[in-house]
C-alpha atoms as a PDB file:
ATOM      1  CA  MET A   1      43.539  19.437  61.007  1.00  0.00           C
ATOM      2  CA  THR A   2      41.571  22.672  60.662  1.00  0.00           C
ATOM      3  CA  LEU A   3      38.543  23.455  62.811  1.00  0.00           C
ATOM      4  CA  ALA A   4      36.260  23.250  59.774  1.00  0.00           C
ATOM      5  CA  ALA A   5      37.669  19.855  58.786  1.00  0.00           C
ATOM      6  CA  ARG A   6      37.231  18.560  62.328  1.00  0.00           C
ATOM      7  CA  ALA A   7      33.644  19.867  62.471  1.00  0.00           C
ATOM      8  CA  LEU A   8      32.864  18.308  59.080  1.00  0.00           C
ATOM      9  CA  MET A   9      34.226  14.951  60.228  1.00  0.00           C
ATOM     10  CA  GLN A  10      32.153  15.043  63.420  1.00  0.00           C
ATOM     11  CA  LEU A  11      28.953  16.125  61.698  1.00  0.00           C
ATOM     12  CA  ALA A  12      29.364  13.544  58.919  1.00  0.00           C
ATOM     13  CA  THR A  13      28.888  10.836  61.573  1.00  0.00           C
ATOM     14  CA  TRP A  14      25.425  12.159  62.500  1.00  0.00           C
ATOM     15  CA  PRO A  15      22.750   9.795  61.156  1.00  0.00           C
ATOM     16  CA  ASP A  16      20.631  12.594  59.645  1.00  0.00           C
ATOM     17  CA  LEU A  17      23.515  14.111  57.651  1.00  0.00           C
ATOM     18  CA  ALA A  18      25.300  12.994  54.503  1.00  0.00           C
ATOM     19  CA  GLU A  19      28.118  14.647  52.588  1.00  0.00           C
ATOM     20  CA  ALA A  20      27.130  16.188  49.270  1.00  0.00           C
ATOM     21  CA  ARG A  21      28.274  18.739  46.727  1.00  0.00           C
ATOM     22  CA  PRO A  22      27.145  22.229  47.792  1.00  0.00           C
ATOM     23  CA  SER A  23      24.675  23.916  45.462  1.00  0.00           C
ATOM     24  CA  CYS A  24      26.903  27.015  45.403  1.00  0.00           C
ATOM     25  CA  GLY A  25      29.756  24.885  44.034  1.00  0.00           C
ATOM     26  CA  VAL A  26      32.277  25.994  46.685  1.00  0.00           C
ATOM     27  CA  GLY A  27      33.712  23.655  49.321  1.00  0.00           C
ATOM     28  CA  ARG A  28      31.893  20.718  50.899  1.00  0.00           C
ATOM     29  CA  ALA A  29      28.350  20.329  52.199  1.00  0.00           C
ATOM     30  CA  LEU A  30      26.264  18.224  54.518  1.00  0.00           C
ATOM     31  CA  CYS A  31      22.611  17.576  53.717  1.00  0.00           C
ATOM     32  CA  SER A  32      19.648  16.090  55.514  1.00  0.00           C
ATOM     33  CA  PRO A  33      16.821  14.306  53.728  1.00  0.00           C
ATOM     34  CA  HIS A  34      15.063  17.711  53.806  1.00  0.00           C
ATOM     35  CA  GLY A  35      17.815  19.784  52.167  1.00  0.00           C
ATOM     36  CA  GLU A  36      21.228  21.347  52.539  1.00  0.00           C
ATOM     37  CA  ILE A  37      22.200  22.118  56.119  1.00  0.00           C
ATOM     38  CA  VAL A  38      25.806  23.337  56.149  1.00  0.00           C
ATOM     39  CA  HIS A  39      28.456  24.370  53.622  1.00  0.00           C
ATOM     40  CA  PHE A  40      32.133  24.470  54.557  1.00  0.00           C
ATOM     41  CA  HIS A  41      33.610  27.110  52.254  1.00  0.00           C
ATOM     42  CA  SER A  42      37.076  27.415  53.757  1.00  0.00           C
ATOM     43  CA  ASP A  43      39.239  26.204  56.620  1.00  0.00           C
ATOM     44  CA  SER A  44      37.495  28.647  58.950  1.00  0.00           C
ATOM     45  CA  ASP A  45      34.054  29.518  57.541  1.00  0.00           C
ATOM     46  CA  ALA A  46      30.792  27.624  57.336  1.00  0.00           C
ATOM     47  CA  ASP A  47      27.360  28.663  56.101  1.00  0.00           C
ATOM     48  CA  LEU A  48      24.448  27.129  57.978  1.00  0.00           C
ATOM     49  CA  HIS A  49      20.885  26.954  56.634  1.00  0.00           C
ATOM     50  CA  LEU A  50      18.889  27.770  59.753  1.00  0.00           C
ATOM     51  CA  THR A  51      15.683  28.926  57.974  1.00  0.00           C
ATOM     52  CA  ALA A  52      14.203  32.400  58.297  1.00  0.00           C
ATOM     53  CA  ARG A  53      11.924  31.344  61.152  1.00  0.00           C
ATOM     54  CA  THR A  54      14.797  29.990  63.263  1.00  0.00           C
ATOM     55  CA  ILE A  55      16.959  33.047  62.581  1.00  0.00           C
ATOM     56  CA  ARG A  56      14.103  35.304  63.700  1.00  0.00           C
ATOM     57  CA  ARG A  57      13.516  33.177  66.794  1.00  0.00           C
ATOM     58  CA  PHE A  58      17.159  33.251  67.898  1.00  0.00           C
ATOM     59  CA  GLN A  59      18.122  36.625  66.424  1.00  0.00           C
ATOM     60  CA  ASP A  60      19.148  38.183  69.752  1.00  0.00           C
ATOM     61  CA  HIS A  61      21.325  35.195  70.671  1.00  0.00           C
ATOM     62  CA  LEU A  62      22.944  35.057  67.240  1.00  0.00           C
ATOM     63  CA  ALA A  63      23.714  38.783  67.354  1.00  0.00           C
ATOM     64  CA  ARG A  64      25.660  38.317  70.604  1.00  0.00           C
ATOM     65  CA  SER A  65      28.180  35.940  69.058  1.00  0.00           C
ATOM     66  CA  ALA A  66      31.187  37.507  67.371  1.00  0.00           C
ATOM     67  CA  ALA A  67      31.539  34.292  65.335  1.00  0.00           C
ATOM     68  CA  VAL A  68      28.112  34.650  63.690  1.00  0.00           C
ATOM     69  CA  ARG A  69      27.326  36.840  60.688  1.00  0.00           C
ATOM     70  CA  VAL A  70      23.703  37.269  59.686  1.00  0.00           C
ATOM     71  CA  VAL A  71      23.051  38.460  56.141  1.00  0.00           C
ATOM     72  CA  PRO A  72      19.747  40.357  55.955  1.00  0.00           C
ATOM     73  CA  GLY A  73      17.179  38.470  53.915  1.00  0.00           C
ATOM     74  CA  SER A  74      19.145  35.218  53.920  1.00  0.00           C
ATOM     75  CA  GLN A  75      18.002  31.960  55.493  1.00  0.00           C
ATOM     76  CA  TRP A  76      21.666  31.127  56.063  1.00  0.00           C
ATOM     77  CA  ILE A  77      24.112  32.396  58.668  1.00  0.00           C
ATOM     78  CA  THR A  78      27.880  32.389  58.348  1.00  0.00           C
ATOM     79  CA  LEU A  79      29.973  31.076  61.218  1.00  0.00           C
ATOM     80  CA  HIS A  80      33.651  31.964  61.503  1.00  0.00           C
ATOM     81  CA  LEU A  81      35.472  29.156  63.304  1.00  0.00           C
ATOM     82  CA  GLU A  82      38.355  30.454  65.392  1.00  0.00           C
ATOM     83  CA  GLY A  83      38.281  28.121  68.387  1.00  0.00           C
ATOM     84  CA  ASN A  84      36.704  25.068  69.963  1.00  0.00           C
ATOM     85  CA  GLU A  85      33.816  27.153  71.325  1.00  0.00           C
ATOM     86  CA  ASP A  86      32.888  28.115  67.764  1.00  0.00           C
ATOM     87  CA  VAL A  87      32.849  24.436  66.766  1.00  0.00           C
ATOM     88  CA  HIS A  88      30.570  23.690  69.740  1.00  0.00           C
ATOM     89  CA  LEU A  89      28.303  26.553  68.662  1.00  0.00           C
ATOM     90  CA  LEU A  90      28.205  25.128  65.129  1.00  0.00           C
ATOM     91  CA  MET A  91      27.182  21.703  66.483  1.00  0.00           C
ATOM     92  CA  THR A  92      24.352  23.287  68.477  1.00  0.00           C
ATOM     93  CA  LEU A  93      23.177  25.345  65.518  1.00  0.00           C
ATOM     94  CA  VAL A  94      23.300  22.331  63.176  1.00  0.00           C
ATOM     95  CA  SER A  95      21.019  20.535  65.625  1.00  0.00           C
ATOM     96  CA  LEU A  96      18.633  23.515  65.514  1.00  0.00           C
ATOM     97  CA  ALA A  97      18.811  23.555  61.718  1.00  0.00           C
ATOM     98  CA  LEU A  98      17.936  19.859  61.533  1.00  0.00           C
ATOM     99  CA  GLN A  99      14.935  20.427  63.790  1.00  0.00           C
ATOM    100  CA  ALA A 100      13.830  23.396  61.682  1.00  0.00           C
ATOM    101  CA  HIS A 101      14.138  21.461  58.424  1.00  0.00           C
ATOM    102  CA  HIS A 102      12.370  18.437  59.868  1.00  0.00           C
ATOM    103  CA  ALA A 103       9.381  20.665  60.637  1.00  0.00           C
ATOM    104  CA  TRP A 104       9.184  21.609  56.921  1.00  0.00           C
ATOM    105  CA  PRO A 105       7.285  23.292  55.396  1.00  0.00           C
ATOM    106  CA  VAL A 106       7.586  26.525  57.309  1.00  0.00           C
ATOM    107  CA  PRO A 107       5.652  29.548  56.004  1.00  0.00           C
ATOM    108  CA  GLY A 108       8.029  32.223  54.751  1.00  0.00           C
ATOM    109  CA  ASP A 109      10.884  29.823  54.014  1.00  0.00           C
ATOM    110  CA  ALA A 110      11.331  29.210  50.307  1.00  0.00           C
ATOM    111  CA  PRO A 111      12.459  25.656  49.475  1.00  0.00           C
ATOM    112  CA  LEU A 112      15.573  26.771  47.571  1.00  0.00           C
ATOM    113  CA  THR A 113      17.781  29.536  48.907  1.00  0.00           C
ATOM    114  CA  ALA A 114      21.354  30.416  48.096  1.00  0.00           C
ATOM    115  CA  CYS A 115      23.931  30.264  50.872  1.00  0.00           C
ATOM    116  CA  ASN A 116      25.911  33.330  51.871  1.00  0.00           C
ATOM    117  CA  GLU A 117      29.018  32.443  49.822  1.00  0.00           C
ATOM    118  CA  HIS A 118      28.097  34.835  47.020  1.00  0.00           C
ATOM    119  CA  GLN A 119      26.173  37.348  49.142  1.00  0.00           C
ATOM    120  CA  PRO A 120      27.649  40.714  50.044  1.00  0.00           C
ATOM    121  CA  VAL A 121      29.262  40.316  53.450  1.00  0.00           C
ATOM    122  CA  PRO A 122      27.898  42.667  56.112  1.00  0.00           C
ATOM    123  CA  LEU A 123      30.436  44.775  57.931  1.00  0.00           C
ATOM    124  CA  PRO A 124      31.560  43.350  61.288  1.00  0.00           C
ATOM    125  CA  ARG A 125      29.608  44.633  64.256  1.00  0.00           C
ATOM    126  CA  GLU A 126      31.352  47.411  66.105  1.00  0.00           C
ATOM    127  CA  ASN A 127      32.628  46.484  69.527  1.00  0.00           C
ATOM    128  CA  LEU A 128      30.566  48.784  71.711  1.00  0.00           C
ATOM    129  CA  SER A 129      32.489  47.949  74.892  1.00  0.00           C
ATOM    130  CA  GLY A 130      35.532  49.830  73.595  1.00  0.00           C
ATOM    131  CA  SER A 131      37.874  46.851  73.986  1.00  0.00           C
END
């Protein structure tokens, strides 16, 4: 079983999440009563609707994770799942996303936003440590 499939199975048991068809039409999605939360686009990638406010709030922390890709202007982040720690990070971020969506409406967050599936992918951050 892939990491994305395992994460989807775990998250689908959460009472605030239900499986749905993603609005982008690619893969599988989980939604809360307040909107789409996560899209699983492949065996190793997931887009998570954190909201602009939450991304701004945790921007420094998100930037430190090699698994996270932030697309400028998007309310979604992309998580690349390579190991169990990435799945744990996804679970934590889904919890944050649910909290953010529950606090709806949030100024500056439009109700309908496209996930990162069809957005230009930013180049990976350069490893500044030289390793």
